[in-house]
Amino acid sequence: QVQLVESGGGLVQAGGSLRLSCTASRSIDRINTMGWYRQAPGKQRELVADISSGGTTYYADSVKGRFTISRDNAKNTLYLQMNSLKPEDTAVYYCANYDGGWGQGTQVTVSS
């Protein structure tokens, strides 16, 4: 099973930016779809964005126009560029391999 490790979380002011990375333990060339989810305190985990091996992307309405998902198969890495961050984006962000497996999560906190 592919191991996933997220990084790039932190504390940022509203309006700021962060880039999350998810590095896999082996090649992600053959992984069809990978995604980013988030879970805020007291809420269910929700899909933020995902991307297929062919580059087709999906975004939740709440992040459209602000977040960009991308993958670099040569680096075995999935990214989430987050701009114009809002306090409601505060959550633990998880990387997901749709063939099976989750990362441990990285905390993103946006202060107002």
Protein backbone atom coordinates (compact mmCIF):
# COMPACT_ATOMS: atom_id res chain seq x y z
CA GLN A 1 0.00 0.00 0.00
CA VAL A 2 1.22 3.49 -0.83
CA GLN A 3 2.13 5.58 2.22
CA LEU A 4 1.16 9.25 2.03
CA VAL A 5 2.78 12.08 4.00
CA GLU A 6 1.33 15.58 4.00
CA SER A 7 3.25 18.76 4.73
CA GLY A 8 2.88 22.51 4.35
CA GLY A 9 0.18 23.26 6.89
CA GLY A 10 0.45 26.07 9.40
CA LEU A 11 -1.01 29.28 10.75
CA VAL A 12 -1.82 32.06 8.32
CA GLN A 13 -3.88 35.25 8.39
CA ALA A 14 -7.07 35.56 6.41
CA GLY A 15 -6.29 36.42 2.82
CA GLY A 16 -2.98 34.58 2.92
CA SER A 17 -1.76 31.53 1.05
CA LEU A 18 -0.38 28.08 1.78
CA ARG A 19 0.72 25.19 -0.40
CA LEU A 20 0.14 21.69 0.86
CA SER A 21 2.18 18.76 -0.41
CA CYS A 22 1.46 15.04 -0.22
CA THR A 23 4.42 12.81 -0.99
CA ALA A 24 3.85 9.15 -1.75
CA SER A 25 6.19 6.30 -0.84
CA ARG A 26 6.21 5.05 -4.42
CA SER A 27 5.17 6.04 -7.90
CA ILE A 28 1.73 7.55 -8.30
CA ASP A 29 1.68 7.10 -12.08
CA ARG A 30 -0.81 4.27 -11.84
CA ILE A 31 -3.03 5.87 -9.23
CA ASN A 32 -6.10 7.05 -11.08
CA THR A 33 -7.47 9.68 -8.74
CA MET A 34 -6.02 11.45 -5.72
CA GLY A 35 -7.66 14.07 -3.61
CA TRP A 36 -7.58 16.45 -0.69
CA TYR A 37 -10.14 16.26 2.09
CA ARG A 38 -10.51 18.34 5.22
CA GLN A 39 -12.12 17.94 8.59
CA ALA A 40 -12.95 20.84 10.87
CA PRO A 41 -13.64 20.31 14.59
CA GLY A 42 -17.10 18.84 15.12
CA LYS A 43 -17.70 18.38 11.41
CA GLN A 44 -17.55 15.50 8.97
CA ARG A 45 -14.63 15.03 6.65
CA GLU A 46 -15.38 16.67 3.30
CA LEU A 47 -13.89 16.54 -0.17
CA VAL A 48 -12.01 19.70 -1.11
CA ALA A 49 -10.63 18.78 -4.53
CA ASP A 50 -9.46 15.80 -6.53
CA ILE A 51 -7.53 15.12 -9.70
CA SER A 52 -7.44 12.16 -12.06
CA SER A 53 -4.37 10.72 -13.71
CA GLY A 54 -5.48 12.50 -16.86
CA GLY A 55 -5.64 15.85 -15.11
CA THR A 56 -9.40 16.18 -14.71
CA THR A 57 -10.13 18.16 -11.58
CA TYR A 58 -13.04 18.63 -9.23
CA TYR A 59 -13.45 21.39 -6.63
CA ALA A 60 -15.94 21.88 -3.86
CA ASP A 61 -17.98 25.03 -4.40
CA SER A 62 -16.53 26.55 -1.25
CA VAL A 63 -12.98 26.58 -2.68
CA LYS A 64 -13.53 27.15 -6.40
CA GLY A 65 -11.42 30.00 -7.69
CA ARG A 66 -9.22 30.00 -4.59
CA PHE A 67 -7.64 26.53 -4.45
CA THR A 68 -5.73 24.66 -7.15
CA ILE A 69 -4.95 20.96 -7.07
CA SER A 70 -2.10 19.51 -9.09
CA ARG A 71 0.07 16.41 -9.23
CA ASP A 72 3.66 15.82 -10.25
CA ASN A 73 4.00 12.13 -11.05
CA ALA A 74 7.78 12.46 -11.49
CA LYS A 75 8.04 13.62 -7.86
CA ASN A 76 5.32 11.28 -6.56
CA THR A 77 3.65 14.35 -5.09
CA LEU A 78 0.17 15.83 -4.93
CA TYR A 79 -0.25 19.55 -4.22
CA LEU A 80 -2.95 21.91 -3.05
CA GLN A 81 -2.30 25.61 -3.58
CA MET A 82 -4.61 27.58 -1.31
CA ASN A 83 -5.04 31.31 -1.88
CA SER A 84 -7.35 33.91 -0.33
CA LEU A 85 -7.70 31.76 2.74
CA LYS A 86 -10.65 32.31 5.06
CA PRO A 87 -11.14 31.39 8.73
CA GLU A 88 -13.68 28.78 7.63
CA ASP A 89 -10.88 26.96 5.78
CA THR A 90 -9.41 26.03 9.16
CA ALA A 91 -9.25 22.23 9.37
CA VAL A 92 -7.00 19.22 9.24
CA TYR A 93 -6.28 18.51 5.59
CA TYR A 94 -5.82 14.93 4.43
CA CYS A 95 -4.41 13.50 1.25
CA ALA A 96 -6.28 10.54 -0.20
CA ASN A 97 -5.41 7.81 -2.66
CA TYR A 98 -8.69 6.63 -4.14
CA ASP A 99 -7.18 3.17 -4.65
CA GLY A 100 -6.93 3.00 -0.86
CA GLY A 101 -5.09 4.96 1.78
CA TRP A 102 -4.93 8.25 3.64
CA GLY A 103 -2.20 10.48 4.95
CA GLN A 104 -1.95 11.46 8.60
CA GLY A 105 -3.19 14.99 7.98
CA THR A 106 -1.75 18.47 8.31
CA GLN A 107 -3.32 21.29 10.31
CA VAL A 108 -4.29 24.52 8.57
CA THR A 109 -5.37 27.40 10.78
CA VAL A 110 -6.57 30.70 9.33
CA SER A 111 -6.86 33.61 11.73
CA SER A 112 -9.24 36.50 11.18
